[in-house]
């Protein structure tokens, strides 16, 4: 959906919410540090940029993905 909307970045917040928008500091203000992100179900292990699973962020934060085309 973010790519169809013409966005280069999107964030996953609150474990399941997908957010995309213009490249403003407000969008990135709630980007979380790696130690607050988690892998998706069923394991919910701590996640980082090198994890084999997708990562999500807890409430208030965004785990930022960049769309590479």
C-alpha atoms as a PDB file:
ATOM      1  CA  UNK A   1       0.000   0.000   0.000  1.00  0.00           C
ATOM      2  CA  UNK A   2       2.785   2.444   0.855  1.00  0.00           C
ATOM      3  CA  UNK A   3       4.486   1.804  -2.474  1.00  0.00           C
ATOM      4  CA  UNK A   4       1.210   2.296  -4.354  1.00  0.00           C
ATOM      5  CA  UNK A   5       0.847   5.617  -2.534  1.00  0.00           C
ATOM      6  CA  UNK A   6       4.253   6.716  -3.804  1.00  0.00           C
ATOM      7  CA  UNK A   7       6.000   6.512  -0.436  1.00  0.00           C
ATOM      8  CA  UNK A   8       9.629   5.439  -0.026  1.00  0.00           C
ATOM      9  CA  UNK A   9       9.359   4.686   3.712  1.00  0.00           C
ATOM     10  CA  UNK A  10       6.703   3.190   5.969  1.00  0.00           C
ATOM     11  CA  UNK A  11       6.592   2.277   9.641  1.00  0.00           C
ATOM     12  CA  UNK A  12       4.977  -0.519  11.622  1.00  0.00           C
ATOM     13  CA  UNK A  13       3.691   0.696  14.990  1.00  0.00           C
ATOM     14  CA  UNK A  14       1.742  -0.850  17.855  1.00  0.00           C
ATOM     15  CA  UNK A  15       2.653  -4.347  16.610  1.00  0.00           C
ATOM     16  CA  UNK A  16       0.309  -4.145  13.581  1.00  0.00           C
ATOM     17  CA  UNK A  17      -0.422  -0.590  12.392  1.00  0.00           C
ATOM     18  CA  UNK A  18       1.143   0.472   9.097  1.00  0.00           C
ATOM     19  CA  UNK A  19       1.936   4.177   8.715  1.00  0.00           C
ATOM     20  CA  UNK A  20       3.301   6.033   5.701  1.00  0.00           C
ATOM     21  CA  UNK A  21       3.647   9.690   4.955  1.00  0.00           C
ATOM     22  CA  UNK A  22       5.836  12.440   3.651  1.00  0.00           C
ATOM     23  CA  UNK A  23       9.464  12.529   4.663  1.00  0.00           C
ATOM     24  CA  UNK A  24       9.094  14.832   7.632  1.00  0.00           C
ATOM     25  CA  UNK A  25      10.875  14.819  10.950  1.00  0.00           C
ATOM     26  CA  UNK A  26       7.518  14.057  12.606  1.00  0.00           C
ATOM     27  CA  UNK A  27       7.321  10.703  10.789  1.00  0.00           C
ATOM     28  CA  UNK A  28      10.775   9.730  12.038  1.00  0.00           C
ATOM     29  CA  UNK A  29      10.443  11.231  15.544  1.00  0.00           C
ATOM     30  CA  UNK A  30       8.715   8.076  16.735  1.00  0.00           C
ATOM     31  CA  UNK A  31      11.176   5.706  15.087  1.00  0.00           C
ATOM     32  CA  UNK A  32      12.358   3.397  17.791  1.00  0.00           C
ATOM     33  CA  UNK A  33      15.794   2.224  18.717  1.00  0.00           C
ATOM     34  CA  UNK A  34      16.517  -1.376  17.797  1.00  0.00           C
ATOM     35  CA  UNK A  35      16.221  -2.702  21.359  1.00  0.00           C
ATOM     36  CA  UNK A  36      12.504  -1.853  21.524  1.00  0.00           C
ATOM     37  CA  UNK A  37      11.412  -3.776  18.423  1.00  0.00           C
ATOM     38  CA  UNK A  38      10.098  -7.317  18.249  1.00  0.00           C
ATOM     39  CA  UNK A  39       9.741 -10.055  15.682  1.00  0.00           C
ATOM     40  CA  UNK A  40       6.277 -11.075  14.666  1.00  0.00           C
ATOM     41  CA  UNK A  41       4.273 -13.997  16.076  1.00  0.00           C
ATOM     42  CA  UNK A  42       4.640 -16.619  17.337  1.00  0.00           C
ATOM     43  CA  UNK A  43       7.995 -15.860  18.976  1.00  0.00           C
ATOM     44  CA  UNK A  44       8.037 -12.082  19.554  1.00  0.00           C
ATOM     45  CA  UNK A  45      11.810 -12.156  19.957  1.00  0.00           C
ATOM     46  CA  UNK A  46      13.849  -8.982  20.104  1.00  0.00           C
ATOM     47  CA  UNK A  47      14.422  -7.793  16.559  1.00  0.00           C
ATOM     48  CA  UNK A  48      16.987  -5.699  14.704  1.00  0.00           C
ATOM     49  CA  UNK A  49      17.918  -4.766  11.141  1.00  0.00           C
ATOM     50  CA  UNK A  50      19.717  -8.097  10.636  1.00  0.00           C
ATOM     51  CA  UNK A  51      16.914 -10.353  11.872  1.00  0.00           C
ATOM     52  CA  UNK A  52      15.563 -13.049   9.575  1.00  0.00           C
ATOM     53  CA  UNK A  53      11.963 -12.163  10.474  1.00  0.00           C
ATOM     54  CA  UNK A  54       9.994  -8.988   9.958  1.00  0.00           C
ATOM     55  CA  UNK A  55      10.153  -6.480  12.804  1.00  0.00           C
ATOM     56  CA  UNK A  56       7.389  -4.477  14.482  1.00  0.00           C
ATOM     57  CA  UNK A  57       7.439  -1.724  17.086  1.00  0.00           C
ATOM     58  CA  UNK A  58       5.498  -1.375  20.333  1.00  0.00           C
ATOM     59  CA  UNK A  59       2.894   1.383  20.874  1.00  0.00           C
ATOM     60  CA  UNK A  60       4.083   4.962  20.231  1.00  0.00           C
ATOM     61  CA  UNK A  61       7.052   3.850  18.094  1.00  0.00           C
ATOM     62  CA  UNK A  62       7.604   2.988  14.424  1.00  0.00           C
ATOM     63  CA  UNK A  63       9.903   0.353  12.984  1.00  0.00           C
ATOM     64  CA  UNK A  64      10.897   1.984   9.688  1.00  0.00           C
ATOM     65  CA  UNK A  65      11.187   0.084   6.414  1.00  0.00           C
ATOM     66  CA  UNK A  66      12.537   1.520   3.156  1.00  0.00           C
ATOM     67  CA  UNK A  67      10.984   0.403  -0.122  1.00  0.00           C
ATOM     68  CA  UNK A  68      13.706  -0.504  -2.612  1.00  0.00           C
ATOM     69  CA  UNK A  69      12.485  -0.712  -6.185  1.00  0.00           C
END
